[in-house]
Amino acid sequence: MVDVPAIAAIERACFGRDEAEDLIAAELTRGWARVWVAELQAVGMVAFIDGWLVADEFEVHFVATLPEWQRKGLGTMLLDYVVFQAFSQGARSVVLEVRRGNTAAQALYRARDFEIVAERRGYYDDGEDALVMRSPLESSLVAARRAAYGDF
């Protein structure tokens, strides 16, 4: 069973959306939606990634880690896990949007073989541009990520 309130709490902490619980609950009704979480023993849920598996592409919608757990490698580990899972379910590429000003996230994605493939001007509600980043999923790349952690 998915803990919608816990995921929504992370979403609110990172993005400030009051309607987070409704958004997450609605997302979980879609057969093509995927939500993966990172839980720490004695702490609970600290991060999640949400996206859609459509045909042979996984489209990431949200990557969120509670602020007090950011920059500790959890986002990287969760992203690697999601890439492995998406590949296992037939995805051959991953695509996402990232704020132009979010250089930390861009660095994480670049380190995981994402490249900027497009730009969306004024994409976010506050007018900030989005960079569209894409990573091809090849068996050797996925195997290397998996080898870094052993069996997830």
C-alpha atoms as a PDB file:
ATOM      1  CA  MET A   1       0.000   0.000   0.000  1.00  0.00           C
ATOM      2  CA  VAL A   2       1.348   3.409  -0.968  1.00  0.00           C
ATOM      3  CA  ASP A   3       1.527   6.005   1.805  1.00  0.00           C
ATOM      4  CA  VAL A   4      -0.024   8.963  -0.038  1.00  0.00           C
ATOM      5  CA  PRO A   5       0.176  11.373   2.940  1.00  0.00           C
ATOM      6  CA  ALA A   6       3.920  10.676   3.371  1.00  0.00           C
ATOM      7  CA  ILE A   7       4.623  11.245  -0.328  1.00  0.00           C
ATOM      8  CA  ALA A   8       2.463  14.374  -0.265  1.00  0.00           C
ATOM      9  CA  ALA A   9       4.412  15.697   2.737  1.00  0.00           C
ATOM     10  CA  ILE A  10       7.658  15.394   0.753  1.00  0.00           C
ATOM     11  CA  GLU A  11       6.003  17.029  -2.256  1.00  0.00           C
ATOM     12  CA  ARG A  12       4.774  19.951  -0.120  1.00  0.00           C
ATOM     13  CA  ALA A  13       8.173  20.370   1.561  1.00  0.00           C
ATOM     14  CA  CYS A  14       9.909  20.569  -1.818  1.00  0.00           C
ATOM     15  CA  PHE A  15       7.363  22.291  -4.040  1.00  0.00           C
ATOM     16  CA  GLY A  16       4.863  23.901  -1.632  1.00  0.00           C
ATOM     17  CA  ARG A  17       1.706  22.595  -3.299  1.00  0.00           C
ATOM     18  CA  ASP A  18      -1.247  22.554  -0.909  1.00  0.00           C
ATOM     19  CA  GLU A  19      -3.076  20.106  -3.176  1.00  0.00           C
ATOM     20  CA  ALA A  20      -0.198  17.585  -3.067  1.00  0.00           C
ATOM     21  CA  GLU A  21      -2.232  14.760  -1.542  1.00  0.00           C
ATOM     22  CA  ASP A  22      -4.926  15.000  -4.238  1.00  0.00           C
ATOM     23  CA  LEU A  23      -2.287  15.158  -6.985  1.00  0.00           C
ATOM     24  CA  ILE A  24      -0.453  12.083  -5.709  1.00  0.00           C
ATOM     25  CA  ALA A  25      -3.680  10.112  -5.153  1.00  0.00           C
ATOM     26  CA  ALA A  26      -4.829  10.926  -8.696  1.00  0.00           C
ATOM     27  CA  GLU A  27      -1.443   9.961 -10.106  1.00  0.00           C
ATOM     28  CA  LEU A  28      -1.663   6.535  -8.501  1.00  0.00           C
ATOM     29  CA  THR A  29      -4.919   5.784 -10.362  1.00  0.00           C
ATOM     30  CA  ARG A  30      -3.137   5.913 -13.740  1.00  0.00           C
ATOM     31  CA  GLY A  31      -1.945   2.542 -15.002  1.00  0.00           C
ATOM     32  CA  TRP A  32       1.075   4.070 -16.716  1.00  0.00           C
ATOM     33  CA  ALA A  33       2.179   6.086 -13.662  1.00  0.00           C
ATOM     34  CA  ARG A  34       5.055   4.872 -11.521  1.00  0.00           C
ATOM     35  CA  VAL A  35       6.029   6.133  -8.086  1.00  0.00           C
ATOM     36  CA  TRP A  36       9.144   4.937  -6.302  1.00  0.00           C
ATOM     37  CA  VAL A  37      10.137   5.994  -2.800  1.00  0.00           C
ATOM     38  CA  ALA A  38      13.245   5.966  -0.620  1.00  0.00           C
ATOM     39  CA  GLU A  39      12.653   4.998   2.984  1.00  0.00           C
ATOM     40  CA  LEU A  40      15.224   4.998   5.743  1.00  0.00           C
ATOM     41  CA  GLN A  41      14.918   2.672   8.678  1.00  0.00           C
ATOM     42  CA  ALA A  42      13.860   4.557  11.823  1.00  0.00           C
ATOM     43  CA  VAL A  43      13.206   7.702   9.757  1.00  0.00           C
ATOM     44  CA  GLY A  44      10.589   6.742   7.184  1.00  0.00           C
ATOM     45  CA  MET A  45      10.027   8.048   3.698  1.00  0.00           C
ATOM     46  CA  VAL A  46      12.499  10.753   2.660  1.00  0.00           C
ATOM     47  CA  ALA A  47      12.324  10.901  -1.145  1.00  0.00           C
ATOM     48  CA  PHE A  48      10.262   9.905  -4.150  1.00  0.00           C
ATOM     49  CA  ILE A  49      10.279   9.936  -7.935  1.00  0.00           C
ATOM     50  CA  ASP A  50       7.071  10.024  -9.925  1.00  0.00           C
ATOM     51  CA  GLY A  51       6.681   9.569 -13.645  1.00  0.00           C
ATOM     52  CA  TRP A  52       4.979   7.888 -16.539  1.00  0.00           C
ATOM     53  CA  LEU A  53       6.078   4.867 -18.513  1.00  0.00           C
ATOM     54  CA  VAL A  54       4.745   5.485 -22.006  1.00  0.00           C
ATOM     55  CA  ALA A  55       5.772   3.158 -24.830  1.00  0.00           C
ATOM     56  CA  ASP A  56       9.562   2.908 -24.504  1.00  0.00           C
ATOM     57  CA  GLU A  57      10.157   6.138 -22.587  1.00  0.00           C
ATOM     58  CA  PHE A  58       9.994   6.983 -18.903  1.00  0.00           C
ATOM     59  CA  GLU A  59       8.999  10.592 -18.306  1.00  0.00           C
ATOM     60  CA  VAL A  60      10.017  11.848 -14.860  1.00  0.00           C
ATOM     61  CA  HIS A  61       7.531  14.313 -13.365  1.00  0.00           C
ATOM     62  CA  PHE A  62       8.817  14.815  -9.839  1.00  0.00           C
ATOM     63  CA  VAL A  63      12.071  14.100  -8.068  1.00  0.00           C
ATOM     64  CA  ALA A  64      11.830  15.174  -4.458  1.00  0.00           C
ATOM     65  CA  THR A  65      13.923  14.641  -1.337  1.00  0.00           C
ATOM     66  CA  LEU A  66      13.090  16.168   2.020  1.00  0.00           C
ATOM     67  CA  PRO A  67      15.321  19.241   2.457  1.00  0.00           C
ATOM     68  CA  GLU A  68      17.128  17.837   5.503  1.00  0.00           C
ATOM     69  CA  TRP A  69      18.106  14.732   3.487  1.00  0.00           C
ATOM     70  CA  GLN A  70      19.244  16.487   0.314  1.00  0.00           C
ATOM     71  CA  ARG A  71      22.853  16.277  -0.889  1.00  0.00           C
ATOM     72  CA  LYS A  72      23.430  12.944   0.841  1.00  0.00           C
ATOM     73  CA  GLY A  73      23.282  10.755  -2.274  1.00  0.00           C
ATOM     74  CA  LEU A  74      19.704   9.560  -1.814  1.00  0.00           C
ATOM     75  CA  GLY A  75      18.454  11.284  -4.972  1.00  0.00           C
ATOM     76  CA  THR A  76      21.233   9.709  -7.012  1.00  0.00           C
ATOM     77  CA  MET A  77      20.559   6.267  -5.595  1.00  0.00           C
ATOM     78  CA  LEU A  78      16.812   6.593  -6.146  1.00  0.00           C
ATOM     79  CA  LEU A  79      17.321   7.873  -9.697  1.00  0.00           C
ATOM     80  CA  ASP A  80      19.608   4.929 -10.464  1.00  0.00           C
ATOM     81  CA  TYR A  81      17.029   2.538  -9.060  1.00  0.00           C
ATOM     82  CA  VAL A  82      14.271   4.133 -11.139  1.00  0.00           C
ATOM     83  CA  VAL A  83      16.407   3.935 -14.279  1.00  0.00           C
ATOM     84  CA  PHE A  84      16.973   0.230 -13.636  1.00  0.00           C
ATOM     85  CA  GLN A  85      13.272  -0.371 -12.997  1.00  0.00           C
ATOM     86  CA  ALA A  86      12.176   1.654 -16.033  1.00  0.00           C
ATOM     87  CA  PHE A  87      14.648  -0.222 -18.248  1.00  0.00           C
ATOM     88  CA  SER A  88      13.394  -3.535 -16.838  1.00  0.00           C
ATOM     89  CA  GLN A  89       9.851  -2.477 -17.761  1.00  0.00           C
ATOM     90  CA  GLY A  90      10.767  -1.659 -21.362  1.00  0.00           C
ATOM     91  CA  ALA A  91      11.932   1.968 -21.288  1.00  0.00           C
ATOM     92  CA  ARG A  92      14.810   2.815 -23.575  1.00  0.00           C
ATOM     93  CA  SER A  93      15.136   6.460 -22.542  1.00  0.00           C
ATOM     94  CA  VAL A  94      14.316   8.752 -19.641  1.00  0.00           C
ATOM     95  CA  VAL A  95      13.260  12.364 -20.117  1.00  0.00           C
ATOM     96  CA  LEU A  96      12.611  15.142 -17.595  1.00  0.00           C
ATOM     97  CA  GLU A  97      12.340  18.887 -17.192  1.00  0.00           C
ATOM     98  CA  VAL A  98      14.487  20.817 -14.740  1.00  0.00           C
ATOM     99  CA  ARG A  99      14.458  24.473 -13.784  1.00  0.00           C
ATOM    100  CA  ARG A 100      17.148  26.495 -15.501  1.00  0.00           C
ATOM    101  CA  GLY A 101      18.213  27.811 -12.091  1.00  0.00           C
ATOM    102  CA  ASN A 102      18.406  24.407 -10.407  1.00  0.00           C
ATOM    103  CA  THR A 103      22.085  23.803 -11.040  1.00  0.00           C
ATOM    104  CA  ALA A 104      22.364  21.106  -8.352  1.00  0.00           C
ATOM    105  CA  ALA A 105      19.717  18.965 -10.045  1.00  0.00           C
ATOM    106  CA  GLN A 106      21.268  19.601 -13.458  1.00  0.00           C
ATOM    107  CA  ALA A 107      24.639  18.414 -12.142  1.00  0.00           C
ATOM    108  CA  LEU A 108      23.046  15.238 -10.780  1.00  0.00           C
ATOM    109  CA  TYR A 109      21.359  14.523 -14.109  1.00  0.00           C
ATOM    110  CA  ARG A 110      24.492  15.249 -16.140  1.00  0.00           C
ATOM    111  CA  ALA A 111      26.449  12.863 -13.906  1.00  0.00           C
ATOM    112  CA  ARG A 112      23.831  10.226 -14.755  1.00  0.00           C
ATOM    113  CA  ASP A 113      24.242  10.678 -18.545  1.00  0.00           C
ATOM    114  CA  PHE A 114      21.405  13.137 -19.158  1.00  0.00           C
ATOM    115  CA  GLU A 115      21.904  15.769 -21.845  1.00  0.00           C
ATOM    116  CA  ILE A 116      19.939  18.928 -22.544  1.00  0.00           C
ATOM    117  CA  VAL A 117      17.864  18.329 -25.663  1.00  0.00           C
ATOM    118  CA  ALA A 118      15.449  21.277 -25.573  1.00  0.00           C
ATOM    119  CA  GLU A 119      14.376  24.350 -23.665  1.00  0.00           C
ATOM    120  CA  ARG A 120      10.886  25.465 -22.655  1.00  0.00           C
ATOM    121  CA  ARG A 121      10.700  29.205 -22.104  1.00  0.00           C
ATOM    122  CA  GLY A 122       8.446  30.347 -19.267  1.00  0.00           C
ATOM    123  CA  TYR A 123       7.483  26.758 -18.470  1.00  0.00           C
ATOM    124  CA  TYR A 124       6.990  27.104 -14.729  1.00  0.00           C
ATOM    125  CA  ASP A 125       4.226  29.108 -13.022  1.00  0.00           C
ATOM    126  CA  ASP A 126       6.730  31.758 -11.948  1.00  0.00           C
ATOM    127  CA  GLY A 127       7.987  32.170 -15.529  1.00  0.00           C
ATOM    128  CA  GLU A 128      11.276  30.327 -15.115  1.00  0.00           C
ATOM    129  CA  ASP A 129      12.483  28.347 -18.114  1.00  0.00           C
ATOM    130  CA  ALA A 130      12.746  24.565 -18.113  1.00  0.00           C
ATOM    131  CA  LEU A 131      15.544  22.569 -19.648  1.00  0.00           C
ATOM    132  CA  VAL A 132      14.477  19.247 -21.135  1.00  0.00           C
ATOM    133  CA  MET A 133      17.041  16.556 -20.404  1.00  0.00           C
ATOM    134  CA  ARG A 134      17.166  13.058 -21.831  1.00  0.00           C
ATOM    135  CA  SER A 135      19.190   9.939 -21.118  1.00  0.00           C
ATOM    136  CA  PRO A 136      19.250   6.907 -23.384  1.00  0.00           C
ATOM    137  CA  LEU A 137      18.979   3.631 -21.514  1.00  0.00           C
ATOM    138  CA  GLU A 138      21.414   1.063 -22.762  1.00  0.00           C
ATOM    139  CA  SER A 139      21.981  -2.278 -21.092  1.00  0.00           C
ATOM    140  CA  SER A 140      25.640  -1.467 -20.345  1.00  0.00           C
ATOM    141  CA  LEU A 141      24.769   1.852 -18.688  1.00  0.00           C
ATOM    142  CA  VAL A 142      21.996   0.303 -16.607  1.00  0.00           C
ATOM    143  CA  ALA A 143      24.240  -2.623 -15.626  1.00  0.00           C
ATOM    144  CA  ALA A 144      26.970  -0.209 -14.480  1.00  0.00           C
ATOM    145  CA  ARG A 145      24.528   1.681 -12.276  1.00  0.00           C
ATOM    146  CA  ARG A 146      23.180  -1.537 -10.827  1.00  0.00           C
ATOM    147  CA  ALA A 147      26.709  -2.837 -10.165  1.00  0.00           C
ATOM    148  CA  ALA A 148      27.431   0.250  -8.084  1.00  0.00           C
ATOM    149  CA  TYR A 149      24.768  -0.833  -5.575  1.00  0.00           C
ATOM    150  CA  GLY A 150      24.556  -4.596  -6.021  1.00  0.00           C
ATOM    151  CA  ASP A 151      20.979  -5.802  -6.045  1.00  0.00           C
ATOM    152  CA  PHE A 152      18.734  -2.861  -5.275  1.00  0.00           C
END
